[in-house]
Structure formats: C-alpha cells, structure tokens
C-alpha cells in the first residue's frame, strides 16, 4: 500500500473508533470527549488538503511506505 492509502485507512479507522467511543447511542460509549478526536482528525485532513502536506504521510514514508502517485 502507498502512504496516502495508509493515511486514509488510519483516518477512517480513528474516526470510526472515536465515534464508537464518543457517541451516546453506541454500545461501546465511554465519554463524549472522544468526539474531540474526530474533530482533530477532520481538521488534520482539512489542513493536509489545503497545504498538500501531511505529517502522518511523511512519517509513514520514512518508515518505509512507498509514496503514492
């Protein structure tokens, strides 16, 4: 997998996890503060879309993931 694919997998996974833990209707509800993590991921996606730079993608590339097209 390329680094941009891994970034999207991480982002989607973290958003789903934070919704499972932060949404009161979820059977795994823990605290609504988990929804702040959803906001954090969304803001990072927005920032990377505007600046064309993503810290996680840079980190994954340094760990050996190949760059996407």
N, C-alpha and C. Protein backbone atom coordinates (compact mmCIF):
# COMPACT_ATOMS: atom_id res chain seq x y z
N UNK A 1 0.83 -1.18 0.00
CA UNK A 1 0.00 0.00 0.00
C UNK A 1 0.88 1.25 0.00
N UNK A 2 0.36 2.28 -0.58
CA UNK A 2 1.10 3.54 -0.62
C UNK A 2 0.79 4.35 0.64
N UNK A 3 1.62 5.36 0.90
CA UNK A 3 1.46 6.16 2.11
C UNK A 3 0.11 6.89 2.14
N UNK A 4 -0.37 7.38 1.00
CA UNK A 4 -1.65 8.10 1.02
C UNK A 4 -2.81 7.15 1.30
N UNK A 5 -2.69 5.89 0.86
CA UNK A 5 -3.73 4.92 1.18
C UNK A 5 -3.74 4.60 2.67
N UNK A 6 -2.55 4.47 3.25
CA UNK A 6 -2.44 4.20 4.68
C UNK A 6 -2.98 5.37 5.50
N UNK A 7 -2.73 6.59 5.06
CA UNK A 7 -3.26 7.77 5.77
C UNK A 7 -4.78 7.71 5.80
N UNK A 8 -5.39 7.38 4.70
CA UNK A 8 -6.86 7.31 4.65
C UNK A 8 -7.39 6.17 5.51
N UNK A 9 -6.67 5.05 5.55
CA UNK A 9 -7.08 3.94 6.43
C UNK A 9 -6.98 4.35 7.90
N UNK A 10 -5.88 5.00 8.27
CA UNK A 10 -5.73 5.48 9.64
C UNK A 10 -6.83 6.47 9.99
N UNK A 11 -7.06 7.45 9.13
CA UNK A 11 -8.06 8.48 9.41
C UNK A 11 -9.45 7.87 9.55
N UNK A 12 -9.82 7.01 8.63
CA UNK A 12 -11.13 6.37 8.71
C UNK A 12 -11.27 5.50 9.94
N UNK A 13 -10.23 4.76 10.26
CA UNK A 13 -10.26 3.91 11.45
C UNK A 13 -10.37 4.71 12.74
N UNK A 14 -9.59 5.81 12.83
CA UNK A 14 -9.66 6.65 14.02
C UNK A 14 -11.00 7.34 14.16
N UNK A 15 -11.58 7.77 13.06
CA UNK A 15 -12.89 8.42 13.12
C UNK A 15 -13.95 7.42 13.59
N UNK A 16 -13.93 6.22 13.03
CA UNK A 16 -14.91 5.21 13.46
C UNK A 16 -14.72 4.84 14.92
N UNK A 17 -13.47 4.68 15.35
CA UNK A 17 -13.19 4.35 16.75
C UNK A 17 -13.67 5.45 17.69
N UNK A 18 -13.38 6.70 17.34
CA UNK A 18 -13.80 7.80 18.21
C UNK A 18 -15.33 7.95 18.24
N UNK A 19 -15.99 7.64 17.13
CA UNK A 19 -17.46 7.67 17.14
C UNK A 19 -18.03 6.54 17.97
N UNK A 20 -17.41 5.36 17.90
CA UNK A 20 -17.88 4.24 18.73
C UNK A 20 -17.74 4.55 20.21
N UNK A 21 -16.65 5.23 20.58
CA UNK A 21 -16.40 5.53 21.99
C UNK A 21 -17.06 6.82 22.46
N UNK A 22 -17.44 7.72 21.51
CA UNK A 22 -17.96 9.01 21.91
C UNK A 22 -19.43 9.26 21.66
N UNK A 23 -20.06 8.45 20.83
CA UNK A 23 -21.49 8.65 20.54
C UNK A 23 -22.34 7.97 21.62
N UNK A 24 -23.21 8.72 22.28
CA UNK A 24 -24.02 8.14 23.37
C UNK A 24 -24.87 6.94 22.95
N UNK A 25 -25.23 6.83 21.69
CA UNK A 25 -26.04 5.71 21.23
C UNK A 25 -25.22 4.44 20.99
N UNK A 26 -23.91 4.55 21.05
CA UNK A 26 -23.04 3.41 20.79
C UNK A 26 -23.02 2.45 21.98
N UNK A 27 -22.99 1.15 21.70
CA UNK A 27 -22.89 0.19 22.81
C UNK A 27 -21.52 0.26 23.52
N UNK A 28 -20.53 0.87 22.90
CA UNK A 28 -19.20 0.98 23.49
C UNK A 28 -18.92 2.41 23.98
N UNK A 29 -19.99 3.15 24.23
CA UNK A 29 -19.85 4.55 24.67
C UNK A 29 -19.00 4.63 25.94
N UNK A 30 -18.05 5.57 25.92
CA UNK A 30 -17.19 5.80 27.08
C UNK A 30 -17.31 7.24 27.57
N UNK A 31 -17.10 8.18 26.67
CA UNK A 31 -17.17 9.59 27.02
C UNK A 31 -17.36 10.41 25.74
N UNK A 32 -18.13 11.48 25.84
CA UNK A 32 -18.32 12.33 24.66
C UNK A 32 -17.06 13.06 24.26
N UNK A 33 -16.04 13.09 25.14
CA UNK A 33 -14.78 13.74 24.81
C UNK A 33 -14.05 13.02 23.68
N UNK A 34 -14.41 11.78 23.39
CA UNK A 34 -13.81 11.08 22.25
C UNK A 34 -14.18 11.75 20.93
N UNK A 35 -15.27 12.49 20.92
CA UNK A 35 -15.67 13.19 19.70
C UNK A 35 -14.68 14.30 19.36
N UNK A 36 -13.95 14.80 20.33
CA UNK A 36 -12.92 15.80 20.06
C UNK A 36 -11.82 15.20 19.18
N UNK A 37 -11.59 13.91 19.32
CA UNK A 37 -10.60 13.25 18.47
C UNK A 37 -11.08 13.21 17.02
N UNK A 38 -12.38 13.04 16.82
CA UNK A 38 -12.95 13.09 15.48
C UNK A 38 -12.71 14.47 14.87
N UNK A 39 -12.90 15.52 15.65
CA UNK A 39 -12.64 16.89 15.19
C UNK A 39 -11.16 17.05 14.83
N UNK A 40 -10.27 16.53 15.66
CA UNK A 40 -8.83 16.62 15.41
C UNK A 40 -8.46 15.97 14.08
N UNK A 41 -8.97 14.77 13.83
CA UNK A 41 -8.68 14.08 12.58
C UNK A 41 -9.24 14.86 11.40
N UNK A 42 -10.46 15.37 11.53
CA UNK A 42 -11.07 16.16 10.46
C UNK A 42 -10.28 17.42 10.15
N UNK A 43 -9.81 18.10 11.19
CA UNK A 43 -9.00 19.30 10.98
C UNK A 43 -7.67 18.97 10.31
N UNK A 44 -7.08 17.85 10.68
CA UNK A 44 -5.83 17.44 10.03
C UNK A 44 -6.05 17.10 8.56
N UNK A 45 -7.16 16.46 8.24
CA UNK A 45 -7.47 16.17 6.84
C UNK A 45 -7.69 17.47 6.06
N UNK A 46 -8.38 18.42 6.67
CA UNK A 46 -8.60 19.71 6.02
C UNK A 46 -7.28 20.44 5.80
N UNK A 47 -6.43 20.45 6.81
CA UNK A 47 -5.12 21.10 6.70
C UNK A 47 -4.28 20.46 5.61
N UNK A 48 -4.26 19.12 5.55
CA UNK A 48 -3.44 18.45 4.54
C UNK A 48 -3.99 18.68 3.14
N UNK A 49 -5.30 18.84 3.02
CA UNK A 49 -5.88 19.14 1.72
C UNK A 49 -5.53 20.54 1.23
N UNK A 50 -5.41 21.48 2.17
CA UNK A 50 -5.10 22.86 1.79
C UNK A 50 -3.61 23.09 1.58
N UNK A 51 -2.78 22.43 2.37
CA UNK A 51 -1.34 22.68 2.29
C UNK A 51 -0.58 21.64 1.48
N UNK A 52 -1.26 20.54 1.14
CA UNK A 52 -0.65 19.43 0.41
C UNK A 52 0.51 18.80 1.19
N UNK A 53 0.44 18.86 2.54
CA UNK A 53 1.44 18.23 3.40
C UNK A 53 0.72 17.54 4.55
N UNK A 54 1.11 16.30 4.83
CA UNK A 54 0.50 15.52 5.90
C UNK A 54 1.62 14.90 6.73
N UNK A 55 1.63 15.19 8.02
CA UNK A 55 2.66 14.66 8.90
C UNK A 55 2.68 13.13 8.90
N UNK A 56 1.49 12.51 8.99
CA UNK A 56 1.43 11.05 9.02
C UNK A 56 1.98 10.45 7.73
N UNK A 57 1.69 11.05 6.59
CA UNK A 57 2.21 10.54 5.33
C UNK A 57 3.74 10.65 5.29
N UNK A 58 4.28 11.74 5.79
CA UNK A 58 5.73 11.90 5.87
C UNK A 58 6.33 10.84 6.78
N UNK A 59 5.71 10.62 7.93
CA UNK A 59 6.19 9.61 8.88
C UNK A 59 6.13 8.21 8.28
N UNK A 60 5.03 7.88 7.62
CA UNK A 60 4.90 6.56 7.01
C UNK A 60 5.95 6.35 5.91
N UNK A 61 6.22 7.41 5.14
CA UNK A 61 7.23 7.31 4.10
C UNK A 61 8.60 7.02 4.71
N UNK A 62 8.92 7.68 5.81
CA UNK A 62 10.20 7.45 6.50
C UNK A 62 10.29 6.06 7.10
N UNK A 63 9.13 5.48 7.43
CA UNK A 63 9.10 4.12 7.97
C UNK A 63 9.12 3.05 6.88
N UNK A 64 9.10 3.49 5.61
CA UNK A 64 9.25 2.53 4.53
C UNK A 64 8.09 2.41 3.58
N UNK A 65 6.99 3.09 3.83
CA UNK A 65 5.85 3.03 2.90
C UNK A 65 6.24 3.79 1.62
N UNK A 66 5.85 3.24 0.50
CA UNK A 66 6.16 3.93 -0.75
C UNK A 66 5.18 5.07 -0.99
N UNK A 67 5.66 6.09 -1.66
CA UNK A 67 4.81 7.26 -1.95
C UNK A 67 3.79 6.90 -3.03
N UNK A 68 2.62 7.49 -2.92
CA UNK A 68 1.58 7.28 -3.92
C UNK A 68 1.77 8.21 -5.08
N UNK A 69 0.96 8.00 -6.11
CA UNK A 69 1.03 8.85 -7.31
C UNK A 69 0.22 10.10 -7.15
